[in-house]
Protein backbone atom coordinates (compact mmCIF):
# COMPACT_ATOMS: atom_id res chain seq x y z
CA MET A 1 -10.25 -13.04 -2.62
CA THR A 2 -7.47 -11.15 -3.91
CA GLY A 3 -6.35 -8.10 -2.73
CA VAL A 4 -3.86 -5.16 -1.80
CA ALA A 5 -1.61 -5.61 1.35
CA VAL A 6 0.11 -2.18 2.46
CA GLY A 7 3.38 -2.42 3.62
CA ILE A 8 5.08 0.30 6.37
CA VAL A 9 8.70 0.37 6.96
CA GLY A 10 8.64 1.32 10.54
CA PHE A 11 11.80 3.07 12.49
CA ARG A 12 10.66 4.31 15.87
CA CYS A 13 7.74 6.05 14.97
CA PRO A 14 4.88 4.47 16.51
CA GLU A 15 2.17 7.71 16.17
CA ALA A 16 2.84 8.32 12.90
CA ILE A 17 1.95 4.92 11.49
CA ALA A 18 -1.02 4.83 14.02
CA ASP A 19 -2.02 7.97 12.16
CA CYS A 20 -1.59 6.24 8.51
CA LEU A 21 -3.26 3.20 9.48
CA ALA A 22 -6.60 5.71 10.82
CA SER A 23 -6.25 6.66 7.45
CA LEU A 24 -6.41 3.94 5.91
CA ASP A 25 -9.54 2.67 7.89
CA ARG A 26 -11.18 5.41 5.61
CA SER A 27 -10.27 3.97 2.58
CA THR A 28 -13.22 2.68 -0.07
CA HIS A 29 -11.44 -0.04 -1.28
CA PRO A 30 -10.58 -2.84 1.36
CA VAL A 31 -7.11 -3.50 2.35
CA ARG A 32 -6.58 -7.41 2.67
CA ARG A 33 -3.74 -6.79 5.35
CA VAL A 34 -1.14 -4.30 6.75
CA ALA A 35 2.29 -5.49 7.15
CA ILE A 36 4.76 -3.44 9.11
CA CYS A 37 8.40 -4.10 9.48
CA GLU A 38 10.00 -2.34 12.50
CA ASN A 39 13.41 -1.62 12.22
CA GLY A 40 14.36 0.01 15.58
CA GLY A 41 14.61 -2.79 18.08
CA ALA A 42 12.79 -4.40 20.80
CA GLU A 43 11.65 -1.18 22.49
CA ALA A 44 10.31 0.70 19.18
CA PHE A 45 8.63 -3.17 18.42
CA ASP A 46 6.58 -2.80 21.75
CA ALA A 47 5.91 0.73 21.36
CA LEU A 48 4.53 0.19 18.33
CA GLU A 49 2.17 -2.85 19.29
CA ALA A 50 1.03 -0.16 22.22
CA ALA A 51 -0.09 2.70 19.49
CA LEU A 52 -1.68 -0.09 17.47
CA GLY A 53 -3.70 -1.07 20.61
CA ARG A 54 -4.78 2.37 20.90
CA LEU A 55 -6.76 1.84 17.64
CA GLY A 56 -8.34 -1.05 19.03
CA PHE A 57 -5.66 -4.01 17.74
CA THR A 58 -5.05 -6.69 20.16
CA ALA A 59 -2.31 -9.72 19.99
CA ALA A 60 -4.09 -12.25 18.31
CA ALA A 61 -1.63 -15.08 17.79
CA ALA A 62 2.16 -14.97 17.06
CA ALA A 63 2.63 -15.27 12.98
CA PRO A 64 5.22 -17.10 11.69
CA ALA A 65 7.96 -14.77 11.33
CA GLY A 66 7.87 -14.89 7.55
CA GLY A 67 10.55 -12.52 6.84
CA GLY A 68 13.53 -15.25 6.45
CA GLU A 69 16.89 -14.22 8.85
CA ALA A 70 15.79 -10.51 8.60
CA THR A 71 13.49 -10.94 11.19
CA ASP A 72 13.21 -12.52 14.45
CA ARG A 73 9.54 -11.89 15.84
CA SER A 74 6.32 -11.16 14.21
CA LEU A 75 2.76 -10.63 15.62
CA ARG A 76 -0.19 -11.17 14.32
CA LEU A 77 -2.63 -7.80 15.45
CA ALA A 78 -6.41 -8.26 14.96
CA ARG A 79 -9.68 -6.14 16.19
CA PRO A 80 -13.72 -6.92 15.79
CA ALA A 81 -14.08 -6.65 12.22
CA ARG A 82 -16.32 -3.27 10.76
CA PRO A 83 -17.10 -2.19 7.61
CA GLY A 84 -14.00 -0.79 5.52
CA ALA A 85 -11.74 -0.76 8.26
CA ILE A 86 -8.45 -2.87 8.81
CA ALA A 87 -9.28 -6.08 10.52
CA GLU A 88 -5.66 -7.49 10.67
CA VAL A 89 -2.11 -6.00 11.08
CA VAL A 90 1.34 -7.88 11.03
CA VAL A 91 4.17 -6.72 12.77
CA HIS A 92 7.47 -8.12 12.03
CA ARG A 93 10.90 -7.20 14.15
CA ALA A 94 13.63 -6.92 12.09
CA VAL A 95 16.88 -8.03 13.74
CA ARG A 96 18.86 -4.94 12.90
CA ASN A 97 18.05 -2.40 11.11
CA LEU A 98 17.37 -3.49 7.70
CA GLY A 99 17.36 0.00 5.58
CA TYR A 100 14.03 0.61 3.78
CA ALA A 101 14.72 -1.51 0.86
CA GLY A 102 15.82 -4.78 3.29
CA ALA A 103 12.48 -4.20 4.95
CA ILE A 104 10.39 -3.92 2.38
CA ASN A 105 11.83 -7.67 1.00
CA ALA A 106 11.37 -8.64 4.52
CA ILE A 107 7.35 -7.95 4.35
CA LEU A 108 7.80 -9.24 0.60
CA GLU A 109 9.03 -12.68 1.68
CA SER A 110 6.09 -12.57 4.66
CA LEU A 111 3.63 -12.16 1.72
CA ALA A 112 5.33 -14.41 -0.72
CA PRO A 113 3.29 -18.00 0.84
CA ASP A 114 -0.07 -16.22 0.57
CA PRO A 115 -1.39 -16.54 -3.06
CA ASP A 116 -4.49 -14.18 -2.28
CA TRP A 117 -3.03 -10.83 -2.77
CA SER A 118 -2.45 -9.01 -5.91
CA ALA A 119 -0.68 -5.96 -5.11
CA LEU A 120 1.55 -4.04 -2.45
CA TRP A 121 0.97 -0.46 -1.81
CA ILE A 122 4.16 0.89 -0.09
CA LEU A 123 3.39 3.61 2.11
CA ASN A 124 5.87 5.76 4.33
CA PRO A 125 4.95 6.10 7.90
CA ASP A 126 4.15 9.89 7.48
CA THR A 127 1.40 9.29 5.01
CA GLU A 128 -2.39 9.47 5.06
CA PRO A 129 -3.97 8.34 1.96
CA ALA A 130 -7.36 10.21 0.94
CA PRO A 131 -9.82 7.79 1.37
CA ASP A 132 -10.29 6.93 -2.45
CA ALA A 133 -6.69 6.65 -3.31
CA LEU A 134 -6.51 3.13 -3.10
CA ALA A 135 -9.51 2.59 -5.54
CA ALA A 136 -7.91 4.84 -7.84
CA LEU A 137 -4.53 2.56 -7.97
CA VAL A 138 -6.60 -0.55 -8.43
CA ALA A 139 -8.33 0.95 -11.30
CA HIS A 140 -5.46 2.60 -12.95
CA ALA A 141 -3.42 -0.86 -12.53
CA ALA A 142 -6.09 -2.54 -14.08
CA ARG A 143 -5.88 -0.88 -17.29
CA GLY A 144 -2.61 -3.42 -18.07
CA GLY A 145 0.65 -3.59 -18.37
CA TYR A 146 1.67 -1.52 -15.22
CA GLY A 147 4.39 -2.55 -12.76
CA ILE A 148 4.27 0.04 -10.54
CA VAL A 149 1.78 3.35 -10.08
CA GLY A 150 2.28 6.55 -8.55
CA SER A 151 0.04 8.92 -6.57
CA ARG A 152 -0.13 12.41 -6.35
CA LEU A 153 1.79 13.32 -3.38
CA ILE A 154 0.69 16.27 -1.29
CA VAL A 155 3.09 18.03 1.08
CA LYS A 156 1.25 17.89 4.29
CA GLY A 157 2.30 21.27 6.17
CA SER A 158 2.31 23.40 2.69
CA GLY A 159 -0.88 21.83 0.83
CA ARG A 160 1.77 22.21 -2.28
CA VAL A 161 2.66 19.23 -4.71
CA GLN A 162 5.70 17.57 -3.53
CA LEU A 163 5.61 15.41 -6.70
CA TYR A 164 3.31 13.78 -9.28
CA GLY A 165 6.06 11.50 -10.59
CA GLY A 166 9.91 11.59 -10.72
CA ARG A 167 12.43 11.79 -13.23
CA TRP A 168 16.34 11.23 -13.13
CA ARG A 169 18.85 13.61 -14.05
CA ARG A 170 21.63 11.20 -14.81
CA PHE A 171 24.54 14.10 -15.45
CA LEU A 172 23.44 15.94 -12.23
CA GLY A 173 22.61 12.73 -10.40
CA ARG A 174 19.78 13.55 -9.25
CA GLY A 175 16.26 13.05 -9.17
CA TYR A 176 13.46 15.94 -10.58
CA ASN A 177 10.08 16.13 -8.52
CA ILE A 178 7.86 16.77 -11.53
CA GLY A 179 5.10 19.01 -10.33
CA LEU A 180 7.18 20.29 -7.21
CA GLY A 181 5.26 23.38 -5.45
CA ALA A 182 2.41 23.35 -7.74
CA ALA A 183 -1.54 23.83 -6.31
CA ALA A 184 -2.79 20.40 -5.11
CA GLU A 185 -5.63 21.05 -7.46
CA ALA A 186 -3.72 22.39 -10.63
CA PRO A 187 -5.03 20.69 -13.79
CA VAL A 188 -2.47 18.25 -15.16
CA ASP A 189 -2.30 15.61 -18.14
CA PRO A 190 -1.40 12.73 -16.59
CA ALA A 191 -0.51 10.46 -19.71
CA GLU A 192 2.27 13.24 -19.87
CA ILE A 193 3.54 12.52 -16.71
CA GLU A 194 3.61 8.88 -17.49
CA ARG A 195 5.82 9.42 -20.64
CA SER A 196 8.30 12.01 -18.58
CA GLN A 197 8.63 10.04 -15.73
CA THR A 198 11.78 7.45 -14.71
CA TYR A 199 10.48 6.63 -11.31
CA VAL A 200 7.46 6.41 -8.52
CA SER A 201 8.23 7.90 -5.42
CA GLY A 202 9.06 5.64 -2.48
CA ALA A 203 6.72 7.04 -0.26
CA ALA A 204 3.47 6.02 -2.20
CA MET A 205 4.12 3.21 -4.52
CA TYR A 206 1.51 0.75 -5.77
CA VAL A 207 3.62 -2.41 -6.99
CA THR A 208 1.97 -5.42 -8.47
CA ARG A 209 2.59 -8.95 -7.66
CA ASP A 210 3.62 -9.75 -11.52
CA PHE A 211 6.16 -7.02 -11.13
CA VAL A 212 7.83 -8.39 -7.89
CA ARG A 213 7.75 -12.01 -9.67
CA ALA A 214 9.23 -10.79 -12.83
CA VAL A 215 11.86 -8.27 -11.51
CA GLY A 216 12.81 -9.26 -7.89
CA PRO A 217 13.29 -7.53 -4.68
CA MET A 218 14.51 -4.29 -3.97
CA SER A 219 18.29 -3.68 -4.01
CA GLU A 220 19.75 -3.53 -0.23
CA ASP A 221 22.74 -1.57 -1.91
CA TYR A 222 21.50 1.92 -0.68
CA PHE A 223 20.30 1.40 2.45
CA LEU A 224 18.22 4.24 2.23
CA TYR A 225 17.38 6.71 -0.93
CA ALA A 226 17.23 5.61 -4.41
CA GLU A 227 15.70 1.74 -4.30
CA GLU A 228 12.81 2.99 -5.52
CA VAL A 229 14.59 4.78 -8.51
CA ASP A 230 16.31 1.60 -8.84
CA TRP A 231 13.46 -0.54 -8.84
CA CYS A 232 11.70 1.14 -12.01
CA LEU A 233 15.02 1.27 -13.67
CA ARG A 234 14.78 -2.15 -13.68
CA ARG A 235 11.39 -2.42 -14.54
CA GLY A 236 11.97 -3.88 -18.20
CA ALA A 237 8.73 -4.04 -20.37
CA PHE A 238 6.46 -3.05 -17.37
CA ARG A 239 4.74 0.62 -17.42
CA LEU A 240 5.01 2.96 -15.00
CA GLY A 241 1.84 4.92 -13.87
CA TYR A 242 0.54 7.96 -12.34
CA ALA A 243 -2.96 8.00 -11.04
CA HIS A 244 -3.81 11.29 -10.09
CA ASP A 245 -7.03 10.82 -8.24
CA ALA A 246 -4.71 9.00 -5.80
CA VAL A 247 -4.18 11.73 -3.25
CA VAL A 248 -1.62 11.04 -0.49
CA LEU A 249 -0.61 13.40 2.21
CA HIS A 250 3.20 13.36 3.34
CA ASP A 251 4.48 14.93 6.30
CA HIS A 252 7.62 15.08 4.05
CA GLY A 253 10.72 14.16 6.14
CA ALA A 254 9.37 13.75 9.63
CA THR A 255 10.53 10.00 10.07
CA ILE A 256 14.19 10.43 8.59
CA GLY A 257 14.96 14.04 9.34
CA SER A 258 15.24 14.60 5.71
CA ASN A 259 13.30 18.04 5.47
CA LEU A 260 14.26 21.41 3.17
CA ASP A 261 16.68 22.88 5.90
CA ARG A 262 19.69 22.07 5.24
CA ARG A 263 20.94 22.69 8.46
CA SER A 264 18.39 20.67 10.35
CA ARG A 265 18.81 17.41 8.14
CA SER A 266 19.92 14.64 10.45
CA ALA A 267 23.51 13.41 9.55
CA ILE A 268 22.44 9.78 8.30
CA SER A 269 19.91 11.85 5.42
CA VAL A 270 22.58 13.92 4.06
CA PHE A 271 25.33 11.34 4.14
CA LEU A 272 23.25 8.70 2.47
CA ASP A 273 21.50 10.73 -0.10
CA GLU A 274 24.82 11.84 -1.49
CA ARG A 275 26.12 8.21 -1.48
CA SER A 276 22.97 6.94 -3.46
CA ARG A 277 22.95 8.95 -6.14
CA LEU A 278 26.24 8.48 -7.16
CA LEU A 279 25.94 4.45 -6.57
CA LEU A 280 22.92 4.36 -8.90
CA THR A 281 24.46 6.82 -11.25
CA ARG A 282 27.18 4.51 -11.93
CA ARG A 283 24.93 1.23 -12.10
CA PHE A 284 22.59 2.61 -14.62
CA TYR A 285 24.24 4.92 -16.31
CA PRO A 286 28.43 4.74 -16.18
CA TYR A 287 28.95 6.66 -19.29
CA ALA A 288 27.39 10.11 -17.07
CA PHE A 289 29.22 9.08 -14.17
CA PRO A 290 32.36 11.10 -14.12
CA VAL A 291 30.09 14.51 -14.80
CA ALA A 292 27.81 13.38 -12.24
CA ALA A 293 30.52 12.95 -9.43
CA ALA A 294 31.69 16.44 -10.43
CA ALA A 295 28.42 18.14 -10.91
CA THR A 296 27.35 16.41 -6.93
CA LEU A 297 30.64 17.62 -5.29
CA LEU A 298 29.72 20.89 -6.87
CA LEU A 299 26.02 20.90 -5.43
CA THR A 300 27.58 20.15 -1.79
CA LEU A 301 28.51 23.63 -1.50
CA GLN A 302 24.54 23.99 -1.06
CA TYR A 303 25.39 23.48 2.53
CA VAL A 304 27.87 26.18 3.06
CA ARG A 305 25.45 28.74 1.48
CA ALA A 306 23.08 27.44 3.68
CA GLY A 307 25.41 27.84 7.11
CA ALA A 308 25.03 24.03 7.21
CA VAL A 309 28.78 23.57 7.46
CA ARG A 310 28.53 20.28 9.84
CA ASN A 311 26.19 18.93 7.40
CA PHE A 312 28.12 20.08 4.30
CA ARG A 313 31.53 18.08 5.97
CA VAL A 314 28.87 14.86 5.94
CA ALA A 315 27.46 15.22 2.58
CA LEU A 316 31.16 15.61 1.52
CA ALA A 317 31.62 12.08 3.41
CA GLY A 318 28.56 10.80 1.35
CA TRP A 319 29.78 11.79 -1.49
CA TRP A 320 33.24 9.93 -0.94
CA ALA A 321 31.72 6.84 -0.05
CA GLY A 322 29.69 7.11 -3.24
CA LEU A 323 32.83 7.75 -5.15
CA CYS A 324 34.60 4.35 -3.40
CA GLY A 325 31.17 2.13 -4.23
CA GLU A 326 30.78 1.95 -0.47
CA THR A 327 27.27 0.30 -0.14
CA GLY A 328 25.12 -1.19 2.73
CA PHE A 329 24.50 0.08 6.36
CA PRO A 330 27.12 3.17 6.81
CA ALA A 331 28.33 1.82 10.17
CA ARG A 332 30.79 5.07 10.00
CA LEU A 333 28.17 7.25 10.80
CA ALA A 334 25.95 4.90 13.06
CA PRO A 335 28.02 2.23 14.73
CA ASN A 336 25.00 0.72 16.83
CA ARG A 337 22.56 -0.66 13.75
CA ASN A 338 20.02 -1.59 16.52
């Protein structure tokens, strides 16, 4: 029987992943398998195995690596079956920090030989899906023509909407969160959101197998940020969906340090955010690139106004890297890739 697999990219956040899986255990729609790619090295892989052990998962067998050269160890974890609960988790250890897209692509490669999955639900480690979220996504995708379907993302701390869907503003080189700050239960027109969105958030992204086959894997140029926008902009004839009844709580910024306080954001988050904006704009909207480059440079001054002088310098470095077309792992910021 075909079903939905869940894909999670980890980076030294075992407890967040365990909490996410505990939420998935309450799903009213069965999860065929959870596949996790741990980007944080051997110690993080072992810590994740221990955290999953506290949920009752034990090593069933070494699994074929399946992620190609991107992974060097895979482990299948299982537990006694019980109604509605996840029975199997496969954890892949990345040979190095692959970034977000690289880890998702490793998961997709590991799933490729399996004929019995119809979609991959990509979730951030710091998300907690509502019990009926997956059922709502499956039902929405079944209406036909959809390649990617998004959820109603709610910020866990505030209980307000993070976004329904995203719209890329090409001349600003920035995304716009449709619904940002709205009350969680505010009335909306889902059809209007589908018409206006140009991308679905990678924090909770339901991707059909047909889409993956036709469009191909995620671009690994960005390392972090904008990969999901790039994927959505390459969708061709596929539609982008929005399932309003698929509610997902998101502890926004918990795993990468991308919170809204500009003084507290991690350097790698700031750098890659600025760089990725320009990389994506140049790729898809070259006519808008000169304006976007000037606009994003001016907007880095927000760090100065917030008193985040260190991050202002990091933002400038990211902007310059994007202007120069630098891609992949930002070695200048984190020389130890593992």
